[in-house]
Amino acid sequence: MVVSQLINKQGKAVKNQFIIVNGDVTTFQSYDSKIVEINRKENTIVFYPDYNFSVTTSKHRNKFLSDILDVNIDTKTVDKMISDGTYNSFTVILA
């Protein structure tokens, strides 16, 4: 398992915002709360209850998703992912 801090657009580490890589699973955690988890083996994206906790959490979540999925992700896209239950080849789950 590898834990690193989220890097912002200015290239600086963001305090209390973590990326956890454990095999095929990459998780974004804010403070002590899981926000979103991507499992590439199972092709799932799981959003946890605090995924939309605050504007700042959403900003960091969107940055994480954009970096991992290599496309620009905004809150409108996240809302659509959740309502559709899919995103590209991923099954999207709201835990």
N, C-alpha and C. Protein backbone atom coordinates (compact mmCIF):
# COMPACT_ATOMS: atom_id res chain seq x y z
N MET A 1 0.85 -1.18 0.00
CA MET A 1 0.00 0.00 0.00
C MET A 1 0.89 1.24 0.00
N VAL A 2 0.52 2.22 -0.82
CA VAL A 2 1.24 3.48 -0.90
C VAL A 2 0.27 4.62 -0.59
N VAL A 3 0.65 5.48 0.34
CA VAL A 3 -0.17 6.63 0.71
C VAL A 3 0.60 7.89 0.35
N SER A 4 -0.07 8.80 -0.36
CA SER A 4 0.55 10.09 -0.70
C SER A 4 -0.48 11.18 -0.55
N GLN A 5 0.00 12.41 -0.50
CA GLN A 5 -0.92 13.54 -0.40
C GLN A 5 -1.37 13.96 -1.80
N LEU A 6 -2.58 14.45 -1.90
CA LEU A 6 -3.08 15.00 -3.14
C LEU A 6 -2.24 16.23 -3.49
N ILE A 7 -1.92 16.38 -4.76
CA ILE A 7 -1.16 17.53 -5.23
C ILE A 7 -2.12 18.47 -5.95
N ASN A 8 -2.12 19.75 -5.55
CA ASN A 8 -3.04 20.71 -6.16
C ASN A 8 -2.52 21.20 -7.51
N LYS A 9 -3.29 22.08 -8.14
CA LYS A 9 -2.93 22.58 -9.47
C LYS A 9 -1.64 23.39 -9.48
N GLN A 10 -1.25 23.88 -8.31
CA GLN A 10 0.00 24.64 -8.19
C GLN A 10 1.18 23.73 -7.89
N GLY A 11 0.93 22.41 -7.81
CA GLY A 11 2.00 21.46 -7.57
C GLY A 11 2.37 21.27 -6.11
N LYS A 12 1.51 21.74 -5.21
CA LYS A 12 1.80 21.61 -3.78
C LYS A 12 0.92 20.55 -3.14
N ALA A 13 1.47 19.86 -2.14
CA ALA A 13 0.70 18.85 -1.41
C ALA A 13 -0.41 19.52 -0.61
N VAL A 14 -1.59 18.91 -0.64
CA VAL A 14 -2.74 19.45 0.08
C VAL A 14 -2.86 18.72 1.42
N LYS A 15 -2.86 19.49 2.48
CA LYS A 15 -2.92 18.96 3.84
C LYS A 15 -4.21 18.15 4.06
N ASN A 16 -4.06 16.98 4.67
CA ASN A 16 -5.19 16.12 5.06
C ASN A 16 -5.99 15.54 3.90
N GLN A 17 -5.41 15.54 2.70
CA GLN A 17 -6.07 14.97 1.51
C GLN A 17 -5.14 13.88 0.98
N PHE A 18 -5.60 12.62 0.98
CA PHE A 18 -4.71 11.50 0.71
C PHE A 18 -5.17 10.65 -0.46
N ILE A 19 -4.19 10.14 -1.19
CA ILE A 19 -4.42 9.14 -2.23
C ILE A 19 -3.78 7.85 -1.72
N ILE A 20 -4.57 6.80 -1.69
CA ILE A 20 -4.10 5.51 -1.19
C ILE A 20 -4.20 4.50 -2.33
N VAL A 21 -3.06 3.93 -2.69
CA VAL A 21 -3.02 2.94 -3.76
C VAL A 21 -2.72 1.59 -3.13
N ASN A 22 -3.62 0.65 -3.36
CA ASN A 22 -3.47 -0.71 -2.82
C ASN A 22 -3.82 -1.68 -3.95
N GLY A 23 -2.83 -2.08 -4.70
CA GLY A 23 -3.06 -2.95 -5.86
C GLY A 23 -3.87 -2.23 -6.92
N ASP A 24 -5.00 -2.82 -7.30
CA ASP A 24 -5.86 -2.25 -8.34
C ASP A 24 -6.82 -1.19 -7.81
N VAL A 25 -6.78 -0.92 -6.51
CA VAL A 25 -7.72 0.00 -5.87
C VAL A 25 -7.01 1.30 -5.49
N THR A 26 -7.57 2.41 -5.97
CA THR A 26 -7.05 3.73 -5.62
C THR A 26 -8.16 4.51 -4.93
N THR A 27 -7.85 5.01 -3.73
CA THR A 27 -8.84 5.67 -2.89
C THR A 27 -8.43 7.11 -2.63
N PHE A 28 -9.41 8.01 -2.66
CA PHE A 28 -9.18 9.38 -2.23
C PHE A 28 -9.84 9.52 -0.86
N GLN A 29 -9.04 9.98 0.10
CA GLN A 29 -9.51 10.16 1.48
C GLN A 29 -9.27 11.60 1.91
N SER A 30 -10.29 12.20 2.52
CA SER A 30 -10.20 13.54 3.07
C SER A 30 -10.27 13.43 4.58
N TYR A 31 -9.22 13.88 5.25
CA TYR A 31 -9.10 13.68 6.70
C TYR A 31 -9.25 12.19 6.98
N ASP A 32 -10.26 11.77 7.75
CA ASP A 32 -10.45 10.36 8.07
C ASP A 32 -11.57 9.71 7.25
N SER A 33 -12.10 10.42 6.27
CA SER A 33 -13.24 9.91 5.51
C SER A 33 -12.86 9.49 4.11
N LYS A 34 -13.26 8.26 3.75
CA LYS A 34 -13.14 7.84 2.35
C LYS A 34 -14.13 8.68 1.56
N ILE A 35 -13.68 9.17 0.41
CA ILE A 35 -14.55 9.98 -0.44
C ILE A 35 -14.95 9.20 -1.69
N VAL A 36 -13.95 8.65 -2.37
CA VAL A 36 -14.21 7.89 -3.60
C VAL A 36 -13.12 6.84 -3.77
N GLU A 37 -13.51 5.71 -4.35
CA GLU A 37 -12.57 4.61 -4.55
C GLU A 37 -12.76 4.07 -5.97
N ILE A 38 -11.66 3.89 -6.67
CA ILE A 38 -11.69 3.34 -8.03
C ILE A 38 -11.02 1.97 -7.99
N ASN A 39 -11.74 0.96 -8.45
CA ASN A 39 -11.20 -0.39 -8.54
C ASN A 39 -11.09 -0.73 -10.02
N ARG A 40 -9.88 -0.74 -10.53
CA ARG A 40 -9.67 -0.98 -11.96
C ARG A 40 -9.89 -2.45 -12.34
N LYS A 41 -9.67 -3.36 -11.43
CA LYS A 41 -9.88 -4.78 -11.71
C LYS A 41 -11.37 -5.08 -11.86
N GLU A 42 -12.18 -4.50 -10.98
CA GLU A 42 -13.63 -4.72 -11.02
C GLU A 42 -14.37 -3.66 -11.83
N ASN A 43 -13.65 -2.66 -12.33
CA ASN A 43 -14.24 -1.55 -13.10
C ASN A 43 -15.38 -0.88 -12.33
N THR A 44 -15.07 -0.51 -11.07
CA THR A 44 -16.07 0.18 -10.26
C THR A 44 -15.51 1.50 -9.73
N ILE A 45 -16.42 2.45 -9.57
CA ILE A 45 -16.14 3.70 -8.87
C ILE A 45 -17.18 3.77 -7.76
N VAL A 46 -16.69 3.82 -6.52
CA VAL A 46 -17.59 3.87 -5.37
C VAL A 46 -17.46 5.24 -4.70
N PHE A 47 -18.59 5.94 -4.60
CA PHE A 47 -18.64 7.21 -3.88
C PHE A 47 -19.17 6.93 -2.48
N TYR A 48 -18.48 7.44 -1.48
CA TYR A 48 -18.87 7.23 -0.09
C TYR A 48 -19.72 8.41 0.40
N PRO A 49 -20.43 8.24 1.54
CA PRO A 49 -21.40 9.26 1.99
C PRO A 49 -20.87 10.69 2.05
N ASP A 50 -19.60 10.89 2.35
CA ASP A 50 -19.05 12.26 2.43
C ASP A 50 -18.51 12.79 1.10
N TYR A 51 -18.86 12.13 -0.02
CA TYR A 51 -18.30 12.53 -1.31
C TYR A 51 -18.62 13.98 -1.67
N ASN A 52 -19.68 14.52 -1.10
CA ASN A 52 -20.13 15.87 -1.42
C ASN A 52 -20.20 16.71 -0.15
N PHE A 53 -19.30 16.45 0.80
CA PHE A 53 -19.32 17.05 2.14
C PHE A 53 -19.26 18.58 2.11
N SER A 54 -18.39 19.11 1.25
CA SER A 54 -18.23 20.57 1.17
C SER A 54 -17.73 20.95 -0.22
N VAL A 55 -17.73 22.23 -0.49
CA VAL A 55 -17.19 22.73 -1.76
C VAL A 55 -15.72 22.33 -1.90
N THR A 56 -14.98 22.42 -0.81
CA THR A 56 -13.55 22.08 -0.84
C THR A 56 -13.36 20.59 -1.07
N THR A 57 -14.13 19.76 -0.39
CA THR A 57 -14.05 18.31 -0.61
C THR A 57 -14.35 17.99 -2.07
N SER A 58 -15.38 18.61 -2.62
CA SER A 58 -15.75 18.38 -4.01
C SER A 58 -14.64 18.81 -4.96
N LYS A 59 -14.02 19.92 -4.67
CA LYS A 59 -12.91 20.41 -5.51
C LYS A 59 -11.77 19.39 -5.52
N HIS A 60 -11.40 18.89 -4.35
CA HIS A 60 -10.32 17.91 -4.27
C HIS A 60 -10.73 16.57 -4.88
N ARG A 61 -11.97 16.16 -4.68
CA ARG A 61 -12.50 14.92 -5.29
C ARG A 61 -12.42 15.01 -6.81
N ASN A 62 -12.84 16.15 -7.35
CA ASN A 62 -12.81 16.33 -8.80
C ASN A 62 -11.38 16.32 -9.34
N LYS A 63 -10.46 16.92 -8.61
CA LYS A 63 -9.04 16.90 -9.01
C LYS A 63 -8.51 15.47 -9.03
N PHE A 64 -8.81 14.71 -7.97
CA PHE A 64 -8.40 13.31 -7.89
C PHE A 64 -8.95 12.52 -9.09
N LEU A 65 -10.26 12.62 -9.32
CA LEU A 65 -10.88 11.88 -10.43
C LEU A 65 -10.30 12.30 -11.77
N SER A 66 -10.09 13.59 -11.96
CA SER A 66 -9.51 14.09 -13.21
C SER A 66 -8.12 13.51 -13.44
N ASP A 67 -7.32 13.47 -12.39
CA ASP A 67 -5.97 12.93 -12.50
C ASP A 67 -5.99 11.43 -12.79
N ILE A 68 -6.81 10.69 -12.08
CA ILE A 68 -6.85 9.23 -12.21
C ILE A 68 -7.47 8.81 -13.54
N LEU A 69 -8.55 9.46 -13.94
CA LEU A 69 -9.25 9.07 -15.16
C LEU A 69 -8.72 9.78 -16.40
N ASP A 70 -7.83 10.74 -16.20
CA ASP A 70 -7.18 11.47 -17.29
C ASP A 70 -8.17 12.23 -18.18
N VAL A 71 -9.21 12.77 -17.54
CA VAL A 71 -10.18 13.65 -18.21
C VAL A 71 -10.60 14.70 -17.20
N ASN A 72 -11.20 15.79 -17.67
CA ASN A 72 -11.66 16.83 -16.77
C ASN A 72 -12.99 16.41 -16.14
N ILE A 73 -13.01 16.27 -14.83
CA ILE A 73 -14.23 15.88 -14.10
C ILE A 73 -14.66 17.06 -13.23
N ASP A 74 -15.94 17.42 -13.34
CA ASP A 74 -16.50 18.47 -12.48
C ASP A 74 -17.67 17.88 -11.69
N THR A 75 -18.26 18.68 -10.82
CA THR A 75 -19.34 18.19 -9.97
C THR A 75 -20.55 17.75 -10.79
N LYS A 76 -20.84 18.44 -11.87
CA LYS A 76 -21.96 18.06 -12.73
C LYS A 76 -21.72 16.65 -13.31
N THR A 77 -20.49 16.37 -13.70
CA THR A 77 -20.14 15.05 -14.22
C THR A 77 -20.28 13.98 -13.13
N VAL A 78 -19.84 14.29 -11.91
CA VAL A 78 -19.98 13.35 -10.79
C VAL A 78 -21.45 13.05 -10.54
N ASP A 79 -22.28 14.08 -10.51
CA ASP A 79 -23.72 13.88 -10.30
C ASP A 79 -24.32 12.98 -11.37
N LYS A 80 -23.90 13.18 -12.62
CA LYS A 80 -24.39 12.35 -13.73
C LYS A 80 -23.89 10.92 -13.60
N MET A 81 -22.63 10.75 -13.21
CA MET A 81 -22.07 9.40 -13.00
C MET A 81 -22.94 8.63 -12.00
N ILE A 82 -23.26 9.30 -10.89
CA ILE A 82 -24.03 8.65 -9.83
C ILE A 82 -25.46 8.36 -10.28
N SER A 83 -26.09 9.33 -10.93
CA SER A 83 -27.48 9.11 -11.36
C SER A 83 -27.58 8.05 -12.45
N ASP A 84 -26.59 7.99 -13.35
CA ASP A 84 -26.58 6.99 -14.43
C ASP A 84 -26.15 5.61 -13.93
N GLY A 85 -25.31 5.59 -12.89
CA GLY A 85 -24.78 4.33 -12.40
C GLY A 85 -23.64 3.78 -13.23
N THR A 86 -23.19 4.59 -14.19
CA THR A 86 -22.07 4.17 -15.04
C THR A 86 -21.25 5.38 -15.45
N TYR A 87 -20.01 5.11 -15.81
CA TYR A 87 -19.14 6.12 -16.41
C TYR A 87 -18.15 5.36 -17.29
N ASN A 88 -18.23 5.58 -18.60
CA ASN A 88 -17.42 4.82 -19.55
C ASN A 88 -17.58 3.33 -19.24
N SER A 89 -16.50 2.62 -18.94
CA SER A 89 -16.60 1.18 -18.68
C SER A 89 -16.80 0.86 -17.20
N PHE A 90 -16.94 1.88 -16.35
CA PHE A 90 -17.07 1.69 -14.90
C PHE A 90 -18.52 1.60 -14.46
N THR A 91 -18.79 0.75 -13.50
CA THR A 91 -20.04 0.75 -12.77
C THR A 91 -19.85 1.73 -11.61
N VAL A 92 -20.78 2.66 -11.43
CA VAL A 92 -20.68 3.67 -10.40
C VAL A 92 -21.69 3.35 -9.29
N ILE A 93 -21.17 3.37 -8.04
CA ILE A 93 -21.97 2.98 -6.89
C ILE A 93 -21.91 4.10 -5.85
N LEU A 94 -23.06 4.43 -5.28
CA LEU A 94 -23.12 5.35 -4.13
C LEU A 94 -23.31 4.49 -2.90
N ALA A 95 -22.27 4.42 -2.08
CA ALA A 95 -22.30 3.54 -0.88
C ALA A 95 -23.15 4.13 0.23
